[in-house]
Amino acid sequence: MEFSKSLKLNHVFHRLYRSGNQAGNRYLVLYCRSNRSRENRVGITVSKKLGKAVVRNRVRRRLREIYRLNESRFRPGFDLVVVARSRAIGASFSQLTGAYLSLADKLGLLREDKP
């Protein structure tokens, strides 16, 4: 991830859950909050309720890859936390990509391309 860092601190996750903007669909919930910097920080949460470690890590890898492929479309300066729901396990990569980008667009995180 060229323009982003990983979000790892527990208190930052909780701050986003409490006071961040959120949007959700059948596959994911996305929380965001401005971080007043020139880069994004991204965290991914996959609950143990969704399955064993192999299943959780597969979902986590797919979400990380979706962000990496679309990183240039995101506006800088935000903390993002993506929470996977149970339907994310059986979803295809294209379904997860559509869900992720639609939530980001709903929260105003995507750049507006001007022709």
PDB file of N, CA and C in Angstrom:
ATOM      1  N   MET A   1       0.848  -1.172   0.000  1.00  0.00           N
ATOM      2  CA  MET A   1       0.000   0.000   0.000  1.00  0.00           C
ATOM      3  C   MET A   1       0.893   1.234   0.000  1.00  0.00           C
ATOM      4  N   GLU A   2       0.847   1.931  -1.092  1.00  0.00           N
ATOM      5  CA  GLU A   2       1.763   3.031  -1.319  1.00  0.00           C
ATOM      6  C   GLU A   2       1.429   4.277  -0.509  1.00  0.00           C
ATOM      7  N   PHE A   3       0.152   4.609  -0.417  1.00  0.00           N
ATOM      8  CA  PHE A   3      -0.254   5.850   0.237  1.00  0.00           C
ATOM      9  C   PHE A   3      -0.913   5.620   1.594  1.00  0.00           C
ATOM     10  N   SER A   4      -0.807   4.429   2.124  1.00  0.00           N
ATOM     11  CA  SER A   4      -1.544   4.093   3.330  1.00  0.00           C
ATOM     12  C   SER A   4      -0.676   3.341   4.320  1.00  0.00           C
ATOM     13  N   LYS A   5      -1.157   3.345   5.566  1.00  0.00           N
ATOM     14  CA  LYS A   5      -0.528   2.570   6.626  1.00  0.00           C
ATOM     15  C   LYS A   5      -1.572   1.656   7.237  1.00  0.00           C
ATOM     16  N   SER A   6      -1.097   0.704   7.994  1.00  0.00           N
ATOM     17  CA  SER A   6      -1.989  -0.216   8.675  1.00  0.00           C
ATOM     18  C   SER A   6      -2.432   0.391   9.995  1.00  0.00           C
ATOM     19  N   LEU A   7      -3.663   0.131  10.362  1.00  0.00           N
ATOM     20  CA  LEU A   7      -4.222   0.610  11.615  1.00  0.00           C
ATOM     21  C   LEU A   7      -4.200  -0.549  12.598  1.00  0.00           C
ATOM     22  N   LYS A   8      -3.480  -0.400  13.714  1.00  0.00           N
ATOM     23  CA  LYS A   8      -3.299  -1.531  14.614  1.00  0.00           C
ATOM     24  C   LYS A   8      -3.655  -1.247  16.063  1.00  0.00           C
ATOM     25  N   LEU A   9      -3.745   0.015  16.459  1.00  0.00           N
ATOM     26  CA  LEU A   9      -3.962   0.342  17.862  1.00  0.00           C
ATOM     27  C   LEU A   9      -5.430   0.208  18.241  1.00  0.00           C
ATOM     28  N   ASN A  10      -5.683  -0.493  19.341  1.00  0.00           N
ATOM     29  CA  ASN A  10      -7.036  -0.783  19.783  1.00  0.00           C
ATOM     30  C   ASN A  10      -7.834   0.488  20.074  1.00  0.00           C
ATOM     31  N   HIS A  11      -7.210   1.488  20.688  1.00  0.00           N
ATOM     32  CA  HIS A  11      -7.957   2.695  21.034  1.00  0.00           C
ATOM     33  C   HIS A  11      -8.372   3.476  19.790  1.00  0.00           C
ATOM     34  N   VAL A  12      -7.636   3.352  18.705  1.00  0.00           N
ATOM     35  CA  VAL A  12      -8.029   4.018  17.457  1.00  0.00           C
ATOM     36  C   VAL A  12      -9.242   3.311  16.851  1.00  0.00           C
ATOM     37  N   PHE A  13      -9.260   1.976  16.917  1.00  0.00           N
ATOM     38  CA  PHE A  13     -10.427   1.229  16.454  1.00  0.00           C
ATOM     39  C   PHE A  13     -11.667   1.652  17.243  1.00  0.00           C
ATOM     40  N   HIS A  14     -11.552   1.727  18.559  1.00  0.00           N
ATOM     41  CA  HIS A  14     -12.699   2.086  19.392  1.00  0.00           C
ATOM     42  C   HIS A  14     -13.147   3.522  19.136  1.00  0.00           C
ATOM     43  N   ARG A  15     -12.209   4.421  18.880  1.00  0.00           N
ATOM     44  CA  ARG A  15     -12.561   5.805  18.563  1.00  0.00           C
ATOM     45  C   ARG A  15     -13.387   5.856  17.273  1.00  0.00           C
ATOM     46  N   LEU A  16     -13.003   5.058  16.297  1.00  0.00           N
ATOM     47  CA  LEU A  16     -13.752   5.007  15.042  1.00  0.00           C
ATOM     48  C   LEU A  16     -15.147   4.426  15.259  1.00  0.00           C
ATOM     49  N   TYR A  17     -15.237   3.369  16.058  1.00  0.00           N
ATOM     50  CA  TYR A  17     -16.546   2.762  16.321  1.00  0.00           C
ATOM     51  C   TYR A  17     -17.477   3.754  17.016  1.00  0.00           C
ATOM     52  N   ARG A  18     -16.930   4.542  17.957  1.00  0.00           N
ATOM     53  CA  ARG A  18     -17.742   5.483  18.722  1.00  0.00           C
ATOM     54  C   ARG A  18     -18.123   6.729  17.918  1.00  0.00           C
ATOM     55  N   SER A  19     -17.146   7.355  17.271  1.00  0.00           N
ATOM     56  CA  SER A  19     -17.413   8.684  16.714  1.00  0.00           C
ATOM     57  C   SER A  19     -17.187   8.782  15.215  1.00  0.00           C
ATOM     58  N   GLY A  20     -16.944   7.678  14.535  1.00  0.00           N
ATOM     59  CA  GLY A  20     -16.744   7.737  13.095  1.00  0.00           C
ATOM     60  C   GLY A  20     -18.051   7.613  12.334  1.00  0.00           C
ATOM     61  N   ASN A  21     -18.006   8.003  11.079  1.00  0.00           N
ATOM     62  CA  ASN A  21     -19.148   7.793  10.187  1.00  0.00           C
ATOM     63  C   ASN A  21     -19.149   6.327   9.777  1.00  0.00           C
ATOM     64  N   GLN A  22     -20.340   5.790   9.532  1.00  0.00           N
ATOM     65  CA  GLN A  22     -20.418   4.378   9.178  1.00  0.00           C
ATOM     66  C   GLN A  22     -21.448   4.131   8.104  1.00  0.00           C
ATOM     67  N   ALA A  23     -21.211   3.083   7.351  1.00  0.00           N
ATOM     68  CA  ALA A  23     -22.163   2.621   6.350  1.00  0.00           C
ATOM     69  C   ALA A  23     -22.003   1.114   6.259  1.00  0.00           C
ATOM     70  N   GLY A  24     -23.077   0.430   5.953  1.00  0.00           N
ATOM     71  CA  GLY A  24     -23.027  -1.022   5.900  1.00  0.00           C
ATOM     72  C   GLY A  24     -23.881  -1.584   4.788  1.00  0.00           C
ATOM     73  N   ASN A  25     -23.560  -2.793   4.379  1.00  0.00           N
ATOM     74  CA  ASN A  25     -24.378  -3.545   3.451  1.00  0.00           C
ATOM     75  C   ASN A  25     -24.341  -5.011   3.876  1.00  0.00           C
ATOM     76  N   ARG A  26     -24.739  -5.915   3.009  1.00  0.00           N
ATOM     77  CA  ARG A  26     -24.860  -7.307   3.433  1.00  0.00           C
ATOM     78  C   ARG A  26     -23.521  -7.997   3.656  1.00  0.00           C
ATOM     79  N   TYR A  27     -22.425  -7.442   3.102  1.00  0.00           N
ATOM     80  CA  TYR A  27     -21.118  -8.076   3.225  1.00  0.00           C
ATOM     81  C   TYR A  27     -20.187  -7.389   4.227  1.00  0.00           C
ATOM     82  N   LEU A  28     -20.262  -6.060   4.317  1.00  0.00           N
ATOM     83  CA  LEU A  28     -19.279  -5.298   5.079  1.00  0.00           C
ATOM     84  C   LEU A  28     -19.914  -4.141   5.828  1.00  0.00           C
ATOM     85  N   VAL A  29     -19.195  -3.648   6.836  1.00  0.00           N
ATOM     86  CA  VAL A  29     -19.499  -2.374   7.484  1.00  0.00           C
ATOM     87  C   VAL A  29     -18.205  -1.563   7.406  1.00  0.00           C
ATOM     88  N   LEU A  30     -18.320  -0.300   6.994  1.00  0.00           N
ATOM     89  CA  LEU A  30     -17.151   0.551   6.851  1.00  0.00           C
ATOM     90  C   LEU A  30     -17.292   1.748   7.776  1.00  0.00           C
ATOM     91  N   TYR A  31     -16.288   1.953   8.620  1.00  0.00           N
ATOM     92  CA  TYR A  31     -16.227   3.107   9.507  1.00  0.00           C
ATOM     93  C   TYR A  31     -15.122   4.024   9.001  1.00  0.00           C
ATOM     94  N   CYS A  32     -15.345   5.333   9.051  1.00  0.00           N
ATOM     95  CA  CYS A  32     -14.299   6.261   8.633  1.00  0.00           C
ATOM     96  C   CYS A  32     -14.323   7.508   9.505  1.00  0.00           C
ATOM     97  N   ARG A  33     -13.164   8.144   9.560  1.00  0.00           N
ATOM     98  CA  ARG A  33     -13.011   9.374  10.333  1.00  0.00           C
ATOM     99  C   ARG A  33     -11.778  10.090   9.806  1.00  0.00           C
ATOM    100  N   SER A  34     -11.827  11.389   9.744  1.00  0.00           N
ATOM    101  CA  SER A  34     -10.685  12.164   9.287  1.00  0.00           C
ATOM    102  C   SER A  34      -9.536  12.035  10.282  1.00  0.00           C
ATOM    103  N   ASN A  35      -8.300  11.932   9.773  1.00  0.00           N
ATOM    104  CA  ASN A  35      -7.156  11.805  10.670  1.00  0.00           C
ATOM    105  C   ASN A  35      -6.176  12.976  10.548  1.00  0.00           C
ATOM    106  N   ARG A  36      -6.513  13.970   9.752  1.00  0.00           N
ATOM    107  CA  ARG A  36      -5.719  15.197   9.592  1.00  0.00           C
ATOM    108  C   ARG A  36      -4.285  14.930   9.155  1.00  0.00           C
ATOM    109  N   SER A  37      -4.095  13.962   8.302  1.00  0.00           N
ATOM    110  CA  SER A  37      -2.772  13.702   7.742  1.00  0.00           C
ATOM    111  C   SER A  37      -2.919  13.528   6.235  1.00  0.00           C
ATOM    112  N   ARG A  38      -1.820  13.258   5.571  1.00  0.00           N
ATOM    113  CA  ARG A  38      -1.854  13.114   4.114  1.00  0.00           C
ATOM    114  C   ARG A  38      -1.965  11.673   3.654  1.00  0.00           C
ATOM    115  N   GLU A  39      -2.196  10.767   4.581  1.00  0.00           N
ATOM    116  CA  GLU A  39      -2.296   9.361   4.220  1.00  0.00           C
ATOM    117  C   GLU A  39      -3.478   8.715   4.930  1.00  0.00           C
ATOM    118  N   ASN A  40      -3.899   7.602   4.392  1.00  0.00           N
ATOM    119  CA  ASN A  40      -4.965   6.825   5.004  1.00  0.00           C
ATOM    120  C   ASN A  40      -4.367   5.761   5.908  1.00  0.00           C
ATOM    121  N   ARG A  41      -5.116   5.412   6.946  1.00  0.00           N
ATOM    122  CA  ARG A  41      -4.769   4.278   7.795  1.00  0.00           C
ATOM    123  C   ARG A  41      -5.944   3.314   7.716  1.00  0.00           C
ATOM    124  N   VAL A  42      -5.648   2.053   7.427  1.00  0.00           N
ATOM    125  CA  VAL A  42      -6.695   1.070   7.167  1.00  0.00           C
ATOM    126  C   VAL A  42      -6.579  -0.087   8.148  1.00  0.00           C
ATOM    127  N   GLY A  43      -7.706  -0.453   8.761  1.00  0.00           N
ATOM    128  CA  GLY A  43      -7.779  -1.605   9.645  1.00  0.00           C
ATOM    129  C   GLY A  43      -8.883  -2.535   9.177  1.00  0.00           C
ATOM    130  N   ILE A  44      -8.686  -3.821   9.390  1.00  0.00           N
ATOM    131  CA  ILE A  44      -9.667  -4.833   8.976  1.00  0.00           C
ATOM    132  C   ILE A  44      -9.999  -5.700  10.174  1.00  0.00           C
ATOM    133  N   THR A  45     -11.296  -5.893  10.406  1.00  0.00           N
ATOM    134  CA  THR A  45     -11.754  -6.709  11.522  1.00  0.00           C
ATOM    135  C   THR A  45     -12.592  -7.870  10.992  1.00  0.00           C
ATOM    136  N   VAL A  46     -12.209  -9.082  11.391  1.00  0.00           N
ATOM    137  CA  VAL A  46     -12.974 -10.281  11.041  1.00  0.00           C
ATOM    138  C   VAL A  46     -13.160 -11.065  12.328  1.00  0.00           C
ATOM    139  N   SER A  47     -14.386 -11.210  12.757  1.00  0.00           N
ATOM    140  CA  SER A  47     -14.700 -11.841  14.033  1.00  0.00           C
ATOM    141  C   SER A  47     -14.452 -13.343  14.010  1.00  0.00           C
ATOM    142  N   LYS A  48     -14.177 -13.903  15.183  1.00  0.00           N
ATOM    143  CA  LYS A  48     -14.014 -15.352  15.315  1.00  0.00           C
ATOM    144  C   LYS A  48     -15.320 -16.089  15.043  1.00  0.00           C
ATOM    145  N   LYS A  49     -16.428 -15.384  15.099  1.00  0.00           N
ATOM    146  CA  LYS A  49     -17.723 -16.000  14.815  1.00  0.00           C
ATOM    147  C   LYS A  49     -17.831 -16.445  13.357  1.00  0.00           C
ATOM    148  N   LEU A  50     -16.996 -15.859  12.489  1.00  0.00           N
ATOM    149  CA  LEU A  50     -17.091 -16.156  11.063  1.00  0.00           C
ATOM    150  C   LEU A  50     -16.415 -17.461  10.673  1.00  0.00           C
ATOM    151  N   GLY A  51     -15.568 -17.991  11.527  1.00  0.00           N
ATOM    152  CA  GLY A  51     -14.936 -19.256  11.192  1.00  0.00           C
ATOM    153  C   GLY A  51     -13.556 -19.381  11.799  1.00  0.00           C
ATOM    154  N   LYS A  52     -12.878 -20.437  11.407  1.00  0.00           N
ATOM    155  CA  LYS A  52     -11.521 -20.694  11.903  1.00  0.00           C
ATOM    156  C   LYS A  52     -10.537 -19.722  11.251  1.00  0.00           C
ATOM    157  N   ALA A  53      -9.292 -19.780  11.693  1.00  0.00           N
ATOM    158  CA  ALA A  53      -8.266 -18.827  11.273  1.00  0.00           C
ATOM    159  C   ALA A  53      -8.064 -18.810   9.758  1.00  0.00           C
ATOM    160  N   VAL A  54      -8.133 -19.962   9.116  1.00  0.00           N
ATOM    161  CA  VAL A  54      -7.929 -20.024   7.671  1.00  0.00           C
ATOM    162  C   VAL A  54      -8.991 -19.210   6.947  1.00  0.00           C
ATOM    163  N   VAL A  55     -10.225 -19.342   7.373  1.00  0.00           N
ATOM    164  CA  VAL A  55     -11.343 -18.626   6.753  1.00  0.00           C
ATOM    165  C   VAL A  55     -11.226 -17.129   7.016  1.00  0.00           C
ATOM    166  N   ARG A  56     -10.938 -16.758   8.251  1.00  0.00           N
ATOM    167  CA  ARG A  56     -10.812 -15.332   8.607  1.00  0.00           C
ATOM    168  C   ARG A  56      -9.662 -14.671   7.858  1.00  0.00           C
ATOM    169  N   ASN A  57      -8.540 -15.367   7.766  1.00  0.00           N
ATOM    170  CA  ASN A  57      -7.394 -14.798   7.074  1.00  0.00           C
ATOM    171  C   ASN A  57      -7.643 -14.654   5.581  1.00  0.00           C
ATOM    172  N   ARG A  58      -8.401 -15.565   4.999  1.00  0.00           N
ATOM    173  CA  ARG A  58      -8.732 -15.454   3.577  1.00  0.00           C
ATOM    174  C   ARG A  58      -9.573 -14.209   3.325  1.00  0.00           C
ATOM    175  N   VAL A  59     -10.565 -13.967   4.160  1.00  0.00           N
ATOM    176  CA  VAL A  59     -11.396 -12.766   4.020  1.00  0.00           C
ATOM    177  C   VAL A  59     -10.533 -11.521   4.217  1.00  0.00           C
ATOM    178  N   ARG A  60      -9.671 -11.544   5.211  1.00  0.00           N
ATOM    179  CA  ARG A  60      -8.789 -10.403   5.491  1.00  0.00           C
ATOM    180  C   ARG A  60      -7.869 -10.104   4.306  1.00  0.00           C
ATOM    181  N   ARG A  61      -7.290 -11.142   3.715  1.00  0.00           N
ATOM    182  CA  ARG A  61      -6.407 -10.959   2.555  1.00  0.00           C
ATOM    183  C   ARG A  61      -7.156 -10.374   1.371  1.00  0.00           C
ATOM    184  N   ARG A  62      -8.368 -10.848   1.152  1.00  0.00           N
ATOM    185  CA  ARG A  62      -9.166 -10.337   0.035  1.00  0.00           C
ATOM    186  C   ARG A  62      -9.510  -8.869   0.235  1.00  0.00           C
ATOM    187  N   LEU A  63      -9.881  -8.470   1.442  1.00  0.00           N
ATOM    188  CA  LEU A  63     -10.209  -7.070   1.713  1.00  0.00           C
ATOM    189  C   LEU A  63      -8.979  -6.179   1.579  1.00  0.00           C
ATOM    190  N   ARG A  64      -7.842  -6.658   2.027  1.00  0.00           N
ATOM    191  CA  ARG A  64      -6.605  -5.896   1.890  1.00  0.00           C
ATOM    192  C   ARG A  64      -6.246  -5.707   0.415  1.00  0.00           C
ATOM    193  N   GLU A  65      -6.441  -6.744  -0.382  1.00  0.00           N
ATOM    194  CA  GLU A  65      -6.139  -6.668  -1.805  1.00  0.00           C
ATOM    195  C   GLU A  65      -7.099  -5.731  -2.531  1.00  0.00           C
ATOM    196  N   ILE A  66      -8.352  -5.730  -2.157  1.00  0.00           N
ATOM    197  CA  ILE A  66      -9.317  -4.806  -2.759  1.00  0.00           C
ATOM    198  C   ILE A  66      -8.890  -3.373  -2.507  1.00  0.00           C
ATOM    199  N   TYR A  67      -8.486  -3.078  -1.282  1.00  0.00           N
ATOM    200  CA  TYR A  67      -8.024  -1.719  -0.993  1.00  0.00           C
ATOM    201  C   TYR A  67      -6.762  -1.402  -1.784  1.00  0.00           C
ATOM    202  N   ARG A  68      -5.828  -2.335  -1.852  1.00  0.00           N
ATOM    203  CA  ARG A  68      -4.566  -2.092  -2.556  1.00  0.00           C
ATOM    204  C   ARG A  68      -4.796  -1.793  -4.036  1.00  0.00           C
ATOM    205  N   LEU A  69      -5.693  -2.533  -4.682  1.00  0.00           N
ATOM    206  CA  LEU A  69      -5.962  -2.329  -6.095  1.00  0.00           C
ATOM    207  C   LEU A  69      -6.677  -1.008  -6.370  1.00  0.00           C
ATOM    208  N   ASN A  70      -7.444  -0.521  -5.408  1.00  0.00           N
ATOM    209  CA  ASN A  70      -8.231   0.696  -5.600  1.00  0.00           C
ATOM    210  C   ASN A  70      -7.727   1.865  -4.767  1.00  0.00           C
ATOM    211  N   GLU A  71      -6.530   1.760  -4.238  1.00  0.00           N
ATOM    212  CA  GLU A  71      -6.001   2.767  -3.318  1.00  0.00           C
ATOM    213  C   GLU A  71      -5.961   4.166  -3.935  1.00  0.00           C
ATOM    214  N   SER A  72      -5.655   4.262  -5.208  1.00  0.00           N
ATOM    215  CA  SER A  72      -5.550   5.566  -5.856  1.00  0.00           C
ATOM    216  C   SER A  72      -6.910   6.261  -5.980  1.00  0.00           C
ATOM    217  N   ARG A  73      -7.997   5.528  -5.856  1.00  0.00           N
ATOM    218  CA  ARG A  73      -9.341   6.106  -5.948  1.00  0.00           C
ATOM    219  C   ARG A  73      -9.794   6.744  -4.633  1.00  0.00           C
ATOM    220  N   PHE A  74      -9.126   6.437  -3.513  1.00  0.00           N
ATOM    221  CA  PHE A  74      -9.523   6.940  -2.204  1.00  0.00           C
ATOM    222  C   PHE A  74      -8.903   8.307  -1.941  1.00  0.00           C
ATOM    223  N   ARG A  75      -9.683   9.191  -1.350  1.00  0.00           N
ATOM    224  CA  ARG A  75      -9.156  10.482  -0.923  1.00  0.00           C
ATOM    225  C   ARG A  75      -8.239  10.265   0.279  1.00  0.00           C
ATOM    226  N   PRO A  76      -7.128  10.993   0.376  1.00  0.00           N
ATOM    227  CA  PRO A  76      -6.222  10.821   1.517  1.00  0.00           C
ATOM    228  C   PRO A  76      -6.735  11.534   2.762  1.00  0.00           C
ATOM    229  N   GLY A  77      -6.227  11.111   3.917  1.00  0.00           N
ATOM    230  CA  GLY A  77      -6.531  11.780   5.176  1.00  0.00           C
ATOM    231  C   GLY A  77      -7.619  11.143   6.013  1.00  0.00           C
ATOM    232  N   PHE A  78      -7.809   9.839   5.880  1.00  0.00           N
ATOM    233  CA  PHE A  78      -8.874   9.173   6.634  1.00  0.00           C
ATOM    234  C   PHE A  78      -8.356   7.929   7.338  1.00  0.00           C
ATOM    235  N   ASP A  79      -8.967   7.629   8.479  1.00  0.00           N
ATOM    236  CA  ASP A  79      -8.814   6.332   9.129  1.00  0.00           C
ATOM    237  C   ASP A  79     -10.007   5.491   8.698  1.00  0.00           C
ATOM    238  N   LEU A  80      -9.755   4.274   8.270  1.00  0.00           N
ATOM    239  CA  LEU A  80     -10.819   3.382   7.806  1.00  0.00           C
ATOM    240  C   LEU A  80     -10.749   2.070   8.575  1.00  0.00           C
ATOM    241  N   VAL A  81     -11.898   1.570   8.976  1.00  0.00           N
ATOM    242  CA  VAL A  81     -11.989   0.227   9.535  1.00  0.00           C
ATOM    243  C   VAL A  81     -13.073  -0.516   8.777  1.00  0.00           C
ATOM    244  N   VAL A  82     -12.709  -1.676   8.262  1.00  0.00           N
ATOM    245  CA  VAL A  82     -13.635  -2.521   7.519  1.00  0.00           C
ATOM    246  C   VAL A  82     -13.963  -3.719   8.394  1.00  0.00           C
ATOM    247  N   VAL A  83     -15.240  -3.949   8.637  1.00  0.00           N
ATOM    248  CA  VAL A  83     -15.690  -5.074   9.441  1.00  0.00           C
ATOM    249  C   VAL A  83     -16.424  -6.035   8.513  1.00  0.00           C
ATOM    250  N   ALA A  84     -15.946  -7.276   8.464  1.00  0.00           N
ATOM    251  CA  ALA A  84     -16.557  -8.280   7.601  1.00  0.00           C
ATOM    252  C   ALA A  84     -17.772  -8.895   8.291  1.00  0.00           C
ATOM    253  N   ARG A  85     -18.828  -9.052   7.537  1.00  0.00           N
ATOM    254  CA  ARG A  85     -20.008  -9.759   8.025  1.00  0.00           C
ATOM    255  C   ARG A  85     -19.958 -11.201   7.543  1.00  0.00           C
ATOM    256  N   SER A  86     -20.853 -12.032   8.052  1.00  0.00           N
ATOM    257  CA  SER A  86     -20.791 -13.468   7.769  1.00  0.00           C
ATOM    258  C   SER A  86     -20.973 -13.792   6.286  1.00  0.00           C
ATOM    259  N   ARG A  87     -21.709 -12.985   5.552  1.00  0.00           N
ATOM    260  CA  ARG A  87     -21.905 -13.254   4.128  1.00  0.00           C
ATOM    261  C   ARG A  87     -20.655 -12.987   3.304  1.00  0.00           C
ATOM    262  N   ALA A  88     -19.678 -12.300   3.872  1.00  0.00           N
ATOM    263  CA  ALA A  88     -18.434 -12.020   3.153  1.00  0.00           C
ATOM    264  C   ALA A  88     -17.645 -13.300   2.894  1.00  0.00           C
ATOM    265  N   ILE A  89     -17.878 -14.337   3.680  1.00  0.00           N
ATOM    266  CA  ILE A  89     -17.139 -15.595   3.515  1.00  0.00           C
ATOM    267  C   ILE A  89     -17.454 -16.242   2.173  1.00  0.00           C
ATOM    268  N   GLY A  90     -18.719 -16.304   1.820  1.00  0.00           N
ATOM    269  CA  GLY A  90     -19.118 -16.961   0.579  1.00  0.00           C
ATOM    270  C   GLY A  90     -19.168 -16.045  -0.628  1.00  0.00           C
ATOM    271  N   ALA A  91     -18.845 -14.773  -0.455  1.00  0.00           N
ATOM    272  CA  ALA A  91     -18.945 -13.817  -1.555  1.00  0.00           C
ATOM    273  C   ALA A  91     -17.751 -13.944  -2.491  1.00  0.00           C
ATOM    274  N   SER A  92     -18.008 -13.667  -3.763  1.00  0.00           N
ATOM    275  CA  SER A  92     -16.908 -13.670  -4.726  1.00  0.00           C
ATOM    276  C   SER A  92     -16.099 -12.386  -4.574  1.00  0.00           C
ATOM    277  N   PHE A  93     -14.922 -12.377  -5.198  1.00  0.00           N
ATOM    278  CA  PHE A  93     -14.051 -11.203  -5.116  1.00  0.00           C
ATOM    279  C   PHE A  93     -14.732  -9.981  -5.729  1.00  0.00           C
ATOM    280  N   SER A  94     -15.438 -10.170  -6.831  1.00  0.00           N
ATOM    281  CA  SER A  94     -16.115  -9.037  -7.483  1.00  0.00           C
ATOM    282  C   SER A  94     -17.269  -8.512  -6.623  1.00  0.00           C
ATOM    283  N   GLN A  95     -17.972  -9.389  -5.929  1.00  0.00           N
ATOM    284  CA  GLN A  95     -19.036  -8.934  -5.039  1.00  0.00           C
ATOM    285  C   GLN A  95     -18.470  -8.126  -3.880  1.00  0.00           C
ATOM    286  N   LEU A  96     -17.361  -8.598  -3.297  1.00  0.00           N
ATOM    287  CA  LEU A  96     -16.726  -7.860  -2.207  1.00  0.00           C
ATOM    288  C   LEU A  96     -16.185  -6.514  -2.692  1.00  0.00           C
ATOM    289  N   THR A  97     -15.619  -6.499  -3.887  1.00  0.00           N
ATOM    290  CA  THR A  97     -15.103  -5.248  -4.442  1.00  0.00           C
ATOM    291  C   THR A  97     -16.232  -4.243  -4.624  1.00  0.00           C
ATOM    292  N   GLY A  98     -17.338  -4.685  -5.194  1.00  0.00           N
ATOM    293  CA  GLY A  98     -18.490  -3.803  -5.377  1.00  0.00           C
ATOM    294  C   GLY A  98     -19.032  -3.294  -4.057  1.00  0.00           C
ATOM    295  N   ALA A  99     -19.103  -4.176  -3.065  1.00  0.00           N
ATOM    296  CA  ALA A  99     -19.604  -3.783  -1.749  1.00  0.00           C
ATOM    297  C   ALA A  99     -18.678  -2.760  -1.095  1.00  0.00           C
ATOM    298  N   TYR A 100     -17.380  -3.005  -1.152  1.00  0.00           N
ATOM    299  CA  TYR A 100     -16.382  -2.118  -0.544  1.00  0.00           C
ATOM    300  C   TYR A 100     -16.446  -0.726  -1.187  1.00  0.00           C
ATOM    301  N   LEU A 101     -16.429  -0.683  -2.523  1.00  0.00           N
ATOM    302  CA  LEU A 101     -16.406   0.605  -3.211  1.00  0.00           C
ATOM    303  C   LEU A 101     -17.734   1.361  -3.084  1.00  0.00           C
ATOM    304  N   SER A 102     -18.841   0.641  -3.018  1.00  0.00           N
ATOM    305  CA  SER A 102     -20.122   1.327  -2.847  1.00  0.00           C
ATOM    306  C   SER A 102     -20.215   1.973  -1.464  1.00  0.00           C
ATOM    307  N   LEU A 103     -19.689   1.295  -0.434  1.00  0.00           N
ATOM    308  CA  LEU A 103     -19.676   1.885   0.903  1.00  0.00           C
ATOM    309  C   LEU A 103     -18.749   3.094   0.955  1.00  0.00           C
ATOM    310  N   ALA A 104     -17.588   2.984   0.315  1.00  0.00           N
ATOM    311  CA  ALA A 104     -16.651   4.106   0.289  1.00  0.00           C
ATOM    312  C   ALA A 104     -17.270   5.303  -0.432  1.00  0.00           C
ATOM    313  N   ASP A 105     -17.989   5.040  -1.507  1.00  0.00           N
ATOM    314  CA  ASP A 105     -18.654   6.120  -2.237  1.00  0.00           C
ATOM    315  C   ASP A 105     -19.760   6.745  -1.397  1.00  0.00           C
ATOM    316  N   LYS A 106     -20.504   5.920  -0.682  1.00  0.00           N
ATOM    317  CA  LYS A 106     -21.584   6.409   0.172  1.00  0.00           C
ATOM    318  C   LYS A 106     -21.054   7.340   1.262  1.00  0.00           C
ATOM    319  N   LEU A 107     -19.848   7.051   1.769  1.00  0.00           N
ATOM    320  CA  LEU A 107     -19.250   7.869   2.820  1.00  0.00           C
ATOM    321  C   LEU A 107     -18.416   9.035   2.269  1.00  0.00           C
ATOM    322  N   GLY A 108     -18.350   9.147   0.947  1.00  0.00           N
ATOM    323  CA  GLY A 108     -17.617  10.246   0.331  1.00  0.00           C
ATOM    324  C   GLY A 108     -16.107  10.085   0.391  1.00  0.00           C
ATOM    325  N   LEU A 109     -15.622   8.845   0.372  1.00  0.00           N
ATOM    326  CA  LEU A 109     -14.194   8.594   0.475  1.00  0.00           C
ATOM    327  C   LEU A 109     -13.509   8.504  -0.887  1.00  0.00           C
ATOM    328  N   LEU A 110     -14.268   8.377  -1.958  1.00  0.00           N
ATOM    329  CA  LEU A 110     -13.676   8.233  -3.275  1.00  0.00           C
ATOM    330  C   LEU A 110     -13.485   9.590  -3.930  1.00  0.00           C
ATOM    331  N   ARG A 111     -12.408   9.685  -4.706  1.00  0.00           N
ATOM    332  CA  ARG A 111     -12.130  10.919  -5.439  1.00  0.00           C
ATOM    333  C   ARG A 111     -13.168  11.082  -6.541  1.00  0.00           C
ATOM    334  N   GLU A 112     -13.477  12.326  -6.838  1.00  0.00           N
ATOM    335  CA  GLU A 112     -14.381  12.624  -7.943  1.00  0.00           C
ATOM    336  C   GLU A 112     -13.522  12.937  -9.168  1.00  0.00           C
ATOM    337  N   ASP A 113     -13.587  12.062 -10.158  1.00  0.00           N
ATOM    338  CA  ASP A 113     -12.802  12.279 -11.369  1.00  0.00           C
ATOM    339  C   ASP A 113     -13.503  13.313 -12.237  1.00  0.00           C
ATOM    340  N   LYS A 114     -12.738  14.339 -12.600  1.00  0.00           N
ATOM    341  CA  LYS A 114     -13.283  15.392 -13.449  1.00  0.00           C
ATOM    342  C   LYS A 114     -12.650  15.278 -14.835  1.00  0.00           C
ATOM    343  N   PRO A 115     -13.488  15.081 -15.876  1.00  0.00           N
ATOM    344  CA  PRO A 115     -12.936  14.918 -17.237  1.00  0.00           C
ATOM    345  C   PRO A 115     -12.385  16.203 -17.803  1.00  0.00           C
TER     346      PRO A 115
END
